[in-house]
Amino acid sequence: MSNAPSSTWSARDLDAYLDLYGVHLPPEQRERMLALAHASADVGRRMPRMPSKYDEPAHTYRLPL
């Protein structure tokens, strides 16, 4: 397992995001939204990623004999 943090969202990040869009939530809903942010970030990290756009097959072709 990696030692990376479980989420990149902090309570301060969430508050800034909510303030940016003028969303005012009760404390229990804010805590739920923070938990959902952690869960969705964790799921996103577990999803397989596309290889780099620079990773491509070799440009060769062999004719059959």
N, C-alpha and C. Protein backbone atom coordinates (compact mmCIF):
# COMPACT_ATOMS: atom_id res chain seq x y z
N MET A 1 0.84 -1.18 0.00
CA MET A 1 0.00 0.00 0.00
C MET A 1 0.88 1.24 0.00
N SER A 2 0.38 2.28 -0.60
CA SER A 2 1.14 3.52 -0.66
C SER A 2 0.91 4.33 0.61
N ASN A 3 1.83 5.21 0.90
CA ASN A 3 1.71 6.07 2.06
C ASN A 3 1.05 7.40 1.71
N ALA A 4 0.44 7.48 0.54
CA ALA A 4 -0.22 8.71 0.12
C ALA A 4 -1.44 8.97 0.99
N PRO A 5 -1.78 10.24 1.18
CA PRO A 5 -2.96 10.54 1.97
C PRO A 5 -4.20 9.98 1.31
N SER A 6 -5.23 9.70 2.10
CA SER A 6 -6.43 9.07 1.56
C SER A 6 -7.21 10.02 0.68
N SER A 7 -7.03 11.32 0.83
CA SER A 7 -7.74 12.26 0.00
C SER A 7 -6.95 13.55 -0.11
N THR A 8 -7.18 14.26 -1.18
CA THR A 8 -6.52 15.55 -1.33
C THR A 8 -7.40 16.67 -0.79
N TRP A 9 -8.63 16.38 -0.39
CA TRP A 9 -9.55 17.37 0.13
C TRP A 9 -9.33 17.59 1.62
N SER A 10 -9.21 18.83 2.02
CA SER A 10 -9.17 19.17 3.44
C SER A 10 -10.45 19.95 3.75
N ALA A 11 -10.73 20.11 5.02
CA ALA A 11 -11.92 20.88 5.41
C ALA A 11 -11.80 22.32 4.88
N ARG A 12 -10.59 22.85 4.88
CA ARG A 12 -10.37 24.21 4.37
C ARG A 12 -10.65 24.28 2.87
N ASP A 13 -10.21 23.25 2.12
CA ASP A 13 -10.48 23.20 0.68
C ASP A 13 -11.98 23.17 0.41
N LEU A 14 -12.70 22.34 1.15
CA LEU A 14 -14.14 22.24 0.96
C LEU A 14 -14.82 23.56 1.29
N ASP A 15 -14.42 24.21 2.36
CA ASP A 15 -15.01 25.50 2.72
C ASP A 15 -14.78 26.53 1.62
N ALA A 16 -13.58 26.55 1.05
CA ALA A 16 -13.27 27.48 -0.03
C ALA A 16 -14.13 27.19 -1.25
N TYR A 17 -14.31 25.91 -1.56
CA TYR A 17 -15.13 25.51 -2.70
C TYR A 17 -16.59 25.92 -2.48
N LEU A 18 -17.12 25.68 -1.30
CA LEU A 18 -18.50 26.04 -1.00
C LEU A 18 -18.68 27.55 -1.03
N ASP A 19 -17.72 28.29 -0.50
CA ASP A 19 -17.80 29.76 -0.52
C ASP A 19 -17.75 30.29 -1.94
N LEU A 20 -16.93 29.67 -2.79
CA LEU A 20 -16.80 30.11 -4.18
C LEU A 20 -18.15 30.08 -4.89
N TYR A 21 -18.95 29.06 -4.61
CA TYR A 21 -20.24 28.91 -5.27
C TYR A 21 -21.41 29.39 -4.41
N GLY A 22 -21.12 29.98 -3.26
CA GLY A 22 -22.17 30.53 -2.42
C GLY A 22 -23.07 29.49 -1.79
N VAL A 23 -22.52 28.31 -1.52
CA VAL A 23 -23.31 27.23 -0.91
C VAL A 23 -23.13 27.29 0.60
N HIS A 24 -24.24 27.33 1.31
CA HIS A 24 -24.21 27.37 2.77
C HIS A 24 -24.88 26.10 3.28
N LEU A 25 -24.12 25.26 3.96
CA LEU A 25 -24.62 23.98 4.44
C LEU A 25 -24.57 23.93 5.96
N PRO A 26 -25.52 23.22 6.57
CA PRO A 26 -25.42 22.96 8.00
C PRO A 26 -24.18 22.09 8.27
N PRO A 27 -23.63 22.14 9.47
CA PRO A 27 -22.40 21.40 9.78
C PRO A 27 -22.48 19.90 9.46
N GLU A 28 -23.62 19.26 9.71
CA GLU A 28 -23.71 17.82 9.45
C GLU A 28 -23.66 17.52 7.95
N GLN A 29 -24.25 18.38 7.12
CA GLN A 29 -24.19 18.18 5.67
C GLN A 29 -22.79 18.49 5.14
N ARG A 30 -22.12 19.48 5.73
CA ARG A 30 -20.75 19.80 5.34
C ARG A 30 -19.82 18.63 5.63
N GLU A 31 -19.99 18.00 6.79
CA GLU A 31 -19.18 16.83 7.13
C GLU A 31 -19.47 15.67 6.17
N ARG A 32 -20.74 15.50 5.80
CA ARG A 32 -21.10 14.44 4.84
C ARG A 32 -20.48 14.72 3.48
N MET A 33 -20.50 15.98 3.07
CA MET A 33 -19.90 16.33 1.78
C MET A 33 -18.39 16.09 1.80
N LEU A 34 -17.74 16.38 2.91
CA LEU A 34 -16.31 16.13 3.03
C LEU A 34 -16.02 14.63 2.96
N ALA A 35 -16.86 13.81 3.61
CA ALA A 35 -16.69 12.36 3.54
C ALA A 35 -16.88 11.86 2.11
N LEU A 36 -17.85 12.42 1.39
CA LEU A 36 -18.07 12.03 0.00
C LEU A 36 -16.90 12.47 -0.89
N ALA A 37 -16.31 13.62 -0.60
CA ALA A 37 -15.15 14.08 -1.37
C ALA A 37 -13.98 13.11 -1.18
N HIS A 38 -13.78 12.66 0.07
CA HIS A 38 -12.72 11.68 0.34
C HIS A 38 -12.99 10.37 -0.41
N ALA A 39 -14.23 9.90 -0.34
CA ALA A 39 -14.58 8.63 -0.99
C ALA A 39 -14.42 8.71 -2.50
N SER A 40 -14.88 9.80 -3.10
CA SER A 40 -14.78 9.90 -4.56
C SER A 40 -13.32 10.06 -5.00
N ALA A 41 -12.50 10.75 -4.23
CA ALA A 41 -11.08 10.87 -4.57
C ALA A 41 -10.40 9.51 -4.46
N ASP A 42 -10.75 8.72 -3.45
CA ASP A 42 -10.17 7.38 -3.30
C ASP A 42 -10.55 6.48 -4.47
N VAL A 43 -11.82 6.54 -4.89
CA VAL A 43 -12.27 5.72 -6.02
C VAL A 43 -11.54 6.17 -7.29
N GLY A 44 -11.39 7.45 -7.47
CA GLY A 44 -10.70 7.96 -8.65
C GLY A 44 -9.26 7.49 -8.73
N ARG A 45 -8.59 7.40 -7.58
CA ARG A 45 -7.20 6.91 -7.57
C ARG A 45 -7.11 5.43 -7.88
N ARG A 46 -8.17 4.66 -7.61
CA ARG A 46 -8.13 3.22 -7.88
C ARG A 46 -8.48 2.87 -9.32
N MET A 47 -9.03 3.81 -10.07
CA MET A 47 -9.42 3.53 -11.45
C MET A 47 -8.17 3.44 -12.33
N PRO A 48 -8.16 2.47 -13.24
CA PRO A 48 -7.00 2.35 -14.13
C PRO A 48 -6.88 3.60 -15.00
N ARG A 49 -5.66 4.02 -15.21
CA ARG A 49 -5.40 5.21 -16.01
C ARG A 49 -4.98 4.82 -17.41
N MET A 50 -5.26 5.69 -18.35
CA MET A 50 -4.81 5.49 -19.72
C MET A 50 -3.29 5.67 -19.73
N PRO A 51 -2.61 4.92 -20.56
CA PRO A 51 -1.16 5.14 -20.67
C PRO A 51 -0.89 6.53 -21.23
N SER A 52 0.31 6.95 -21.11
CA SER A 52 0.70 8.25 -21.64
C SER A 52 0.45 8.31 -23.14
N LYS A 53 0.15 9.49 -23.64
CA LYS A 53 -0.06 9.62 -25.08
C LYS A 53 1.22 9.36 -25.86
N TYR A 54 2.35 9.34 -25.16
CA TYR A 54 3.62 9.07 -25.82
C TYR A 54 3.94 7.57 -25.87
N ASP A 55 3.16 6.74 -25.17
CA ASP A 55 3.35 5.30 -25.22
C ASP A 55 2.55 4.76 -26.40
N GLU A 56 3.24 4.30 -27.40
CA GLU A 56 2.55 3.75 -28.57
C GLU A 56 3.32 2.55 -29.08
N PRO A 57 2.65 1.71 -29.84
CA PRO A 57 3.33 0.53 -30.36
C PRO A 57 4.44 0.91 -31.34
N ALA A 58 5.37 0.00 -31.51
CA ALA A 58 6.47 0.23 -32.46
C ALA A 58 5.91 0.34 -33.86
N HIS A 59 6.50 1.17 -34.66
CA HIS A 59 6.04 1.39 -36.04
C HIS A 59 6.78 0.43 -36.98
N THR A 60 6.48 -0.85 -36.89
CA THR A 60 7.09 -1.84 -37.76
C THR A 60 5.99 -2.73 -38.32
N TYR A 61 6.26 -3.28 -39.46
CA TYR A 61 5.31 -4.23 -40.08
C TYR A 61 6.13 -5.26 -40.81
N ARG A 62 5.87 -6.53 -40.53
CA ARG A 62 6.57 -7.61 -41.22
C ARG A 62 5.60 -8.30 -42.16
N LEU A 63 6.02 -8.42 -43.39
CA LEU A 63 5.21 -9.14 -44.37
C LEU A 63 5.34 -10.64 -44.12
N PRO A 64 4.25 -11.38 -44.24
CA PRO A 64 4.35 -12.84 -44.09
C PRO A 64 5.18 -13.43 -45.24
N LEU A 65 5.90 -14.48 -44.95
CA LEU A 65 6.72 -15.13 -45.98
C LEU A 65 5.91 -16.00 -46.88
